[in-house]
Amino acid sequence: MRWLTAACGITALWASTLLGVGFIYAAQPSGDSTPPPLPHIGMTYGQVAGSGVLDNHAVRAAATGHEPPRPETAVGCVYPFNGTTEIGPGRLTIARYCFDTTMHLIAIDRFSVPSVQDGTPWETP
């Protein structure tokens, strides 16, 4: 009976070791998990969108009336939400990516816009 208990214990130990090694290999990053390149002038719209730069309607609305002039050859711009941060009291930084007729990135602009500063709920009348 002791040999049966020992055999079951050894089998359980072997199985848990094998399972642990499997989890370690599964947690390793694969060789093709390189981050996408940062957007740079000359990239196509598809490459820029593939790097996670997508248009955000709220950021576009916040930029309206506060953005610098667009490049003359620009036919469209993207205003992504990138975790916009305050650069000072009441100011937010926005990035704008502009494309030409061939859908190539021709300008990356960063500018600030005023932000709304809400009072705490108990201070609001």
N, C-alpha and C. Protein backbone atom coordinates (compact mmCIF):
# COMPACT_ATOMS: atom_id res chain seq x y z
N MET A 1 0.81 -1.18 0.00
CA MET A 1 0.00 0.00 0.00
C MET A 1 0.87 1.26 0.00
N ARG A 2 2.02 1.19 0.69
CA ARG A 2 2.91 2.34 0.72
C ARG A 2 3.45 2.66 -0.66
N TRP A 3 3.74 1.64 -1.43
CA TRP A 3 4.29 1.88 -2.78
C TRP A 3 3.25 2.56 -3.66
N LEU A 4 1.95 2.27 -3.47
CA LEU A 4 0.87 2.91 -4.24
C LEU A 4 0.77 4.39 -3.86
N THR A 5 0.88 4.71 -2.59
CA THR A 5 0.84 6.10 -2.13
C THR A 5 2.06 6.86 -2.67
N ALA A 6 3.21 6.23 -2.61
CA ALA A 6 4.42 6.87 -3.12
C ALA A 6 4.32 7.10 -4.63
N ALA A 7 3.80 6.13 -5.36
CA ALA A 7 3.65 6.27 -6.81
C ALA A 7 2.68 7.40 -7.15
N CYS A 8 1.57 7.49 -6.41
CA CYS A 8 0.61 8.58 -6.65
C CYS A 8 1.24 9.94 -6.33
N GLY A 9 2.02 10.02 -5.26
CA GLY A 9 2.69 11.27 -4.89
C GLY A 9 3.70 11.70 -5.93
N ILE A 10 4.49 10.74 -6.41
CA ILE A 10 5.49 11.05 -7.43
C ILE A 10 4.81 11.48 -8.73
N THR A 11 3.73 10.81 -9.09
CA THR A 11 2.99 11.17 -10.30
C THR A 11 2.40 12.57 -10.18
N ALA A 12 1.84 12.90 -9.02
CA ALA A 12 1.27 14.24 -8.80
C ALA A 12 2.35 15.30 -8.84
N LEU A 13 3.51 15.01 -8.24
CA LEU A 13 4.63 15.95 -8.27
C LEU A 13 5.12 16.17 -9.69
N TRP A 14 5.24 15.10 -10.46
CA TRP A 14 5.68 15.20 -11.86
C TRP A 14 4.68 16.00 -12.69
N ALA A 15 3.38 15.75 -12.49
CA ALA A 15 2.35 16.46 -13.25
C ALA A 15 2.34 17.95 -12.89
N SER A 16 2.48 18.28 -11.62
CA SER A 16 2.47 19.71 -11.24
C SER A 16 3.72 20.41 -11.76
N THR A 17 4.86 19.74 -11.78
CA THR A 17 6.08 20.32 -12.35
C THR A 17 5.90 20.57 -13.84
N LEU A 18 5.36 19.62 -14.55
CA LEU A 18 5.11 19.75 -15.98
C LEU A 18 4.13 20.90 -16.25
N LEU A 19 3.10 21.00 -15.44
CA LEU A 19 2.13 22.09 -15.58
C LEU A 19 2.78 23.45 -15.32
N GLY A 20 3.62 23.52 -14.31
CA GLY A 20 4.32 24.78 -14.01
C GLY A 20 5.24 25.21 -15.13
N VAL A 21 5.99 24.26 -15.69
CA VAL A 21 6.87 24.58 -16.82
C VAL A 21 6.05 25.04 -18.01
N GLY A 22 4.90 24.42 -18.24
CA GLY A 22 4.01 24.84 -19.33
C GLY A 22 3.53 26.26 -19.15
N PHE A 23 3.17 26.64 -17.92
CA PHE A 23 2.73 28.01 -17.66
C PHE A 23 3.85 29.01 -17.88
N ILE A 24 5.07 28.63 -17.51
CA ILE A 24 6.21 29.53 -17.70
C ILE A 24 6.45 29.77 -19.19
N TYR A 25 6.41 28.73 -20.00
CA TYR A 25 6.60 28.90 -21.45
C TYR A 25 5.45 29.66 -22.09
N ALA A 26 4.24 29.47 -21.60
CA ALA A 26 3.08 30.19 -22.16
C ALA A 26 3.14 31.67 -21.84
N ALA A 27 3.77 32.03 -20.72
CA ALA A 27 3.85 33.44 -20.33
C ALA A 27 4.95 34.20 -21.05
N GLN A 28 5.85 33.52 -21.72
CA GLN A 28 6.94 34.18 -22.43
C GLN A 28 6.40 34.92 -23.64
N PRO A 29 6.88 36.15 -23.89
CA PRO A 29 6.43 36.87 -25.09
C PRO A 29 6.93 36.16 -26.34
N SER A 30 6.09 36.19 -27.37
CA SER A 30 6.49 35.55 -28.62
C SER A 30 7.50 36.43 -29.35
N GLY A 31 8.22 35.87 -30.27
CA GLY A 31 9.25 36.60 -30.99
C GLY A 31 8.72 37.72 -31.87
N ASP A 32 7.46 37.65 -32.27
CA ASP A 32 6.89 38.66 -33.16
C ASP A 32 5.99 39.63 -32.41
N SER A 33 6.28 39.89 -31.14
CA SER A 33 5.45 40.80 -30.36
C SER A 33 6.14 42.15 -30.19
N THR A 34 6.80 42.63 -31.24
CA THR A 34 7.45 43.93 -31.18
C THR A 34 6.40 45.02 -31.25
N PRO A 35 6.60 46.10 -30.51
CA PRO A 35 5.62 47.18 -30.55
C PRO A 35 5.63 47.85 -31.93
N PRO A 36 4.49 48.38 -32.35
CA PRO A 36 4.47 49.06 -33.65
C PRO A 36 5.36 50.31 -33.60
N PRO A 37 5.90 50.72 -34.74
CA PRO A 37 6.76 51.91 -34.75
C PRO A 37 5.94 53.17 -34.43
N LEU A 38 6.60 54.14 -33.83
CA LEU A 38 5.94 55.41 -33.56
C LEU A 38 5.67 56.12 -34.88
N PRO A 39 4.55 56.84 -34.97
CA PRO A 39 4.26 57.55 -36.21
C PRO A 39 5.35 58.57 -36.55
N HIS A 40 5.71 58.62 -37.82
CA HIS A 40 6.67 59.61 -38.29
C HIS A 40 6.29 60.05 -39.70
N ILE A 41 6.77 61.21 -40.08
CA ILE A 41 6.46 61.80 -41.38
C ILE A 41 6.81 60.79 -42.48
N GLY A 42 5.89 60.63 -43.43
CA GLY A 42 6.09 59.73 -44.56
C GLY A 42 5.32 58.42 -44.44
N MET A 43 4.86 58.09 -43.22
CA MET A 43 4.09 56.85 -43.05
C MET A 43 2.73 57.00 -43.74
N THR A 44 2.16 55.88 -44.16
CA THR A 44 0.83 55.91 -44.76
C THR A 44 -0.21 55.96 -43.65
N TYR A 45 -1.44 56.29 -44.05
CA TYR A 45 -2.53 56.33 -43.07
C TYR A 45 -2.71 54.97 -42.41
N GLY A 46 -2.61 53.89 -43.19
CA GLY A 46 -2.76 52.55 -42.64
C GLY A 46 -1.70 52.22 -41.61
N GLN A 47 -0.47 52.65 -41.85
CA GLN A 47 0.60 52.40 -40.90
C GLN A 47 0.39 53.20 -39.61
N VAL A 48 -0.05 54.44 -39.76
CA VAL A 48 -0.30 55.28 -38.58
C VAL A 48 -1.46 54.69 -37.77
N ALA A 49 -2.54 54.30 -38.45
CA ALA A 49 -3.68 53.70 -37.75
C ALA A 49 -3.27 52.38 -37.10
N GLY A 50 -2.40 51.63 -37.75
CA GLY A 50 -1.91 50.37 -37.19
C GLY A 50 -1.09 50.56 -35.93
N SER A 51 -0.53 51.74 -35.74
CA SER A 51 0.23 52.02 -34.52
C SER A 51 -0.66 52.52 -33.40
N GLY A 52 -1.98 52.54 -33.66
CA GLY A 52 -2.92 52.91 -32.60
C GLY A 52 -3.39 54.35 -32.63
N VAL A 53 -2.99 55.11 -33.64
CA VAL A 53 -3.40 56.51 -33.75
C VAL A 53 -4.70 56.56 -34.55
N LEU A 54 -5.83 56.68 -33.82
CA LEU A 54 -7.15 56.72 -34.44
C LEU A 54 -7.87 57.99 -34.06
N ASP A 55 -8.73 58.47 -34.94
CA ASP A 55 -9.45 59.72 -34.72
C ASP A 55 -10.41 59.59 -33.54
N ASN A 56 -10.51 60.67 -32.76
CA ASN A 56 -11.41 60.72 -31.63
C ASN A 56 -12.25 61.99 -31.77
N HIS A 57 -13.57 61.83 -31.84
CA HIS A 57 -14.46 62.96 -32.08
C HIS A 57 -14.40 64.00 -30.96
N ALA A 58 -14.24 63.58 -29.72
CA ALA A 58 -14.17 64.52 -28.61
C ALA A 58 -12.90 65.37 -28.69
N VAL A 59 -11.78 64.77 -29.04
CA VAL A 59 -10.53 65.52 -29.16
C VAL A 59 -10.63 66.48 -30.35
N ARG A 60 -11.23 66.00 -31.45
CA ARG A 60 -11.44 66.87 -32.63
C ARG A 60 -12.28 68.09 -32.25
N ALA A 61 -13.33 67.86 -31.47
CA ALA A 61 -14.20 68.98 -31.04
C ALA A 61 -13.43 69.94 -30.13
N ALA A 62 -12.60 69.41 -29.24
CA ALA A 62 -11.83 70.27 -28.34
C ALA A 62 -10.82 71.12 -29.12
N ALA A 63 -10.31 70.59 -30.23
CA ALA A 63 -9.31 71.32 -31.02
C ALA A 63 -9.93 72.41 -31.88
N THR A 64 -11.20 72.28 -32.19
CA THR A 64 -11.86 73.24 -33.09
C THR A 64 -11.74 74.66 -32.55
N GLY A 65 -11.20 75.52 -33.38
CA GLY A 65 -11.03 76.92 -33.02
C GLY A 65 -9.76 77.21 -32.23
N HIS A 66 -9.00 76.20 -31.86
CA HIS A 66 -7.78 76.40 -31.08
C HIS A 66 -6.54 75.86 -31.77
N GLU A 67 -6.72 75.16 -32.88
CA GLU A 67 -5.58 74.52 -33.54
C GLU A 67 -4.84 75.50 -34.44
N PRO A 68 -3.54 75.23 -34.67
CA PRO A 68 -2.79 76.06 -35.61
C PRO A 68 -3.26 75.77 -37.03
N PRO A 69 -2.92 76.64 -37.98
CA PRO A 69 -3.32 76.39 -39.37
C PRO A 69 -2.80 75.05 -39.87
N ARG A 70 -3.61 74.39 -40.68
CA ARG A 70 -3.19 73.11 -41.27
C ARG A 70 -2.20 73.37 -42.40
N PRO A 71 -1.33 72.40 -42.68
CA PRO A 71 -0.44 72.55 -43.84
C PRO A 71 -1.27 72.71 -45.11
N GLU A 72 -0.76 73.46 -46.08
CA GLU A 72 -1.52 73.74 -47.31
C GLU A 72 -1.88 72.48 -48.08
N THR A 73 -1.02 71.47 -48.04
CA THR A 73 -1.27 70.26 -48.82
C THR A 73 -2.07 69.20 -48.05
N ALA A 74 -2.48 69.52 -46.84
CA ALA A 74 -3.24 68.55 -46.04
C ALA A 74 -4.68 68.45 -46.54
N VAL A 75 -5.16 67.20 -46.69
CA VAL A 75 -6.55 66.97 -47.08
C VAL A 75 -7.36 66.38 -45.93
N GLY A 76 -6.69 65.97 -44.88
CA GLY A 76 -7.38 65.42 -43.72
C GLY A 76 -6.44 65.25 -42.56
N CYS A 77 -6.99 65.35 -41.35
CA CYS A 77 -6.19 65.21 -40.13
C CYS A 77 -6.89 64.28 -39.16
N VAL A 78 -6.11 63.65 -38.32
CA VAL A 78 -6.59 62.74 -37.29
C VAL A 78 -6.24 63.35 -35.94
N TYR A 79 -7.20 63.30 -35.01
CA TYR A 79 -7.01 63.83 -33.67
C TYR A 79 -7.21 62.68 -32.67
N PRO A 80 -6.14 61.97 -32.32
CA PRO A 80 -6.31 60.82 -31.43
C PRO A 80 -6.41 61.23 -29.97
N PHE A 81 -7.04 60.35 -29.18
CA PHE A 81 -6.98 60.50 -27.73
C PHE A 81 -5.79 59.69 -27.27
N ASN A 82 -4.85 60.36 -26.65
CA ASN A 82 -3.63 59.68 -26.23
C ASN A 82 -3.39 59.83 -24.74
N GLY A 83 -4.47 59.84 -23.97
CA GLY A 83 -4.32 60.05 -22.53
C GLY A 83 -3.90 61.48 -22.27
N THR A 84 -4.55 62.40 -22.98
CA THR A 84 -4.21 63.82 -22.92
C THR A 84 -3.96 64.25 -21.48
N THR A 85 -2.89 64.98 -21.30
CA THR A 85 -2.52 65.41 -19.96
C THR A 85 -2.59 66.92 -19.82
N GLU A 86 -2.83 67.35 -18.61
CA GLU A 86 -2.82 68.79 -18.34
C GLU A 86 -1.38 69.28 -18.35
N ILE A 87 -1.15 70.39 -19.03
CA ILE A 87 0.19 70.98 -19.02
C ILE A 87 0.25 72.17 -18.08
N GLY A 88 -0.85 72.51 -17.52
CA GLY A 88 -0.95 73.61 -16.57
C GLY A 88 -2.40 73.71 -16.16
N PRO A 89 -2.70 74.57 -15.25
CA PRO A 89 -4.10 74.70 -14.84
C PRO A 89 -4.98 75.11 -16.02
N GLY A 90 -5.93 74.26 -16.36
CA GLY A 90 -6.88 74.59 -17.41
C GLY A 90 -6.38 74.43 -18.83
N ARG A 91 -5.27 73.72 -19.08
CA ARG A 91 -4.74 73.52 -20.43
C ARG A 91 -4.46 72.05 -20.66
N LEU A 92 -4.84 71.55 -21.85
CA LEU A 92 -4.59 70.17 -22.25
C LEU A 92 -3.77 70.14 -23.53
N THR A 93 -2.93 69.13 -23.69
CA THR A 93 -2.14 68.96 -24.90
C THR A 93 -2.88 68.04 -25.86
N ILE A 94 -2.92 68.45 -27.13
CA ILE A 94 -3.56 67.66 -28.19
C ILE A 94 -2.54 67.46 -29.31
N ALA A 95 -2.58 66.28 -29.93
CA ALA A 95 -1.73 66.00 -31.08
C ALA A 95 -2.63 65.90 -32.32
N ARG A 96 -2.11 66.38 -33.45
CA ARG A 96 -2.85 66.32 -34.72
C ARG A 96 -1.92 65.74 -35.77
N TYR A 97 -2.42 64.75 -36.52
CA TYR A 97 -1.67 64.09 -37.58
C TYR A 97 -2.36 64.39 -38.90
N CYS A 98 -1.67 65.09 -39.81
CA CYS A 98 -2.27 65.51 -41.07
C CYS A 98 -1.69 64.72 -42.25
N PHE A 99 -2.57 64.42 -43.21
CA PHE A 99 -2.23 63.60 -44.37
C PHE A 99 -2.48 64.36 -45.66
N ASP A 100 -1.72 63.99 -46.72
CA ASP A 100 -1.91 64.60 -48.03
C ASP A 100 -2.82 63.73 -48.90
N THR A 101 -2.92 64.07 -50.18
CA THR A 101 -3.82 63.34 -51.08
C THR A 101 -3.41 61.89 -51.30
N THR A 102 -2.14 61.57 -51.09
CA THR A 102 -1.69 60.19 -51.25
C THR A 102 -1.80 59.40 -49.94
N MET A 103 -2.42 60.01 -48.94
CA MET A 103 -2.63 59.40 -47.62
C MET A 103 -1.31 59.14 -46.89
N HIS A 104 -0.34 60.02 -47.09
CA HIS A 104 0.93 59.94 -46.37
C HIS A 104 0.95 61.05 -45.30
N LEU A 105 1.52 60.73 -44.16
CA LEU A 105 1.62 61.67 -43.05
C LEU A 105 2.59 62.79 -43.42
N ILE A 106 2.10 64.04 -43.36
CA ILE A 106 2.94 65.17 -43.73
C ILE A 106 3.23 66.10 -42.55
N ALA A 107 2.46 65.99 -41.47
CA ALA A 107 2.70 66.87 -40.32
C ALA A 107 2.16 66.25 -39.04
N ILE A 108 2.93 66.45 -37.97
CA ILE A 108 2.49 66.08 -36.63
C ILE A 108 2.61 67.35 -35.79
N ASP A 109 1.47 67.83 -35.33
CA ASP A 109 1.45 69.07 -34.55
C ASP A 109 0.95 68.77 -33.14
N ARG A 110 1.54 69.45 -32.17
CA ARG A 110 1.08 69.39 -30.80
C ARG A 110 0.77 70.79 -30.34
N PHE A 111 -0.37 70.98 -29.73
CA PHE A 111 -0.79 72.29 -29.27
C PHE A 111 -1.66 72.11 -28.03
N SER A 112 -1.91 73.20 -27.34
CA SER A 112 -2.73 73.10 -26.14
C SER A 112 -4.05 73.82 -26.34
N VAL A 113 -5.04 73.34 -25.63
CA VAL A 113 -6.38 73.91 -25.68
C VAL A 113 -6.86 74.12 -24.25
N PRO A 114 -7.80 75.06 -24.05
CA PRO A 114 -8.32 75.22 -22.69
C PRO A 114 -9.15 74.02 -22.28
N SER A 115 -9.10 73.68 -21.00
CA SER A 115 -9.90 72.57 -20.49
C SER A 115 -10.95 73.09 -19.53
N VAL A 116 -11.97 72.32 -19.36
CA VAL A 116 -13.04 72.68 -18.43
C VAL A 116 -12.60 72.26 -17.04
N GLN A 117 -12.76 73.12 -16.10
CA GLN A 117 -12.43 72.78 -14.73
C GLN A 117 -13.72 72.77 -13.93
N ASP A 118 -14.15 71.58 -13.62
CA ASP A 118 -15.38 71.41 -12.84
C ASP A 118 -15.07 71.56 -11.36
N GLY A 119 -16.04 72.14 -10.65
CA GLY A 119 -15.93 72.16 -9.19
C GLY A 119 -16.33 70.80 -8.66
N THR A 120 -15.99 70.54 -7.45
CA THR A 120 -16.40 69.30 -6.84
C THR A 120 -17.92 69.31 -6.68
N PRO A 121 -18.57 68.17 -6.69
CA PRO A 121 -20.03 68.12 -6.68
C PRO A 121 -20.67 68.91 -5.54
N TRP A 122 -20.03 68.94 -4.37
CA TRP A 122 -20.66 69.65 -3.25
C TRP A 122 -20.47 71.16 -3.35
N GLU A 123 -19.60 71.63 -4.30
CA GLU A 123 -19.43 73.07 -4.50
C GLU A 123 -20.31 73.61 -5.62
N THR A 124 -20.91 72.72 -6.40
CA THR A 124 -21.74 73.14 -7.52
C THR A 124 -23.11 73.55 -7.00
N PRO A 125 -23.59 74.76 -7.38
CA PRO A 125 -24.91 75.19 -6.86
C PRO A 125 -26.05 74.35 -7.38
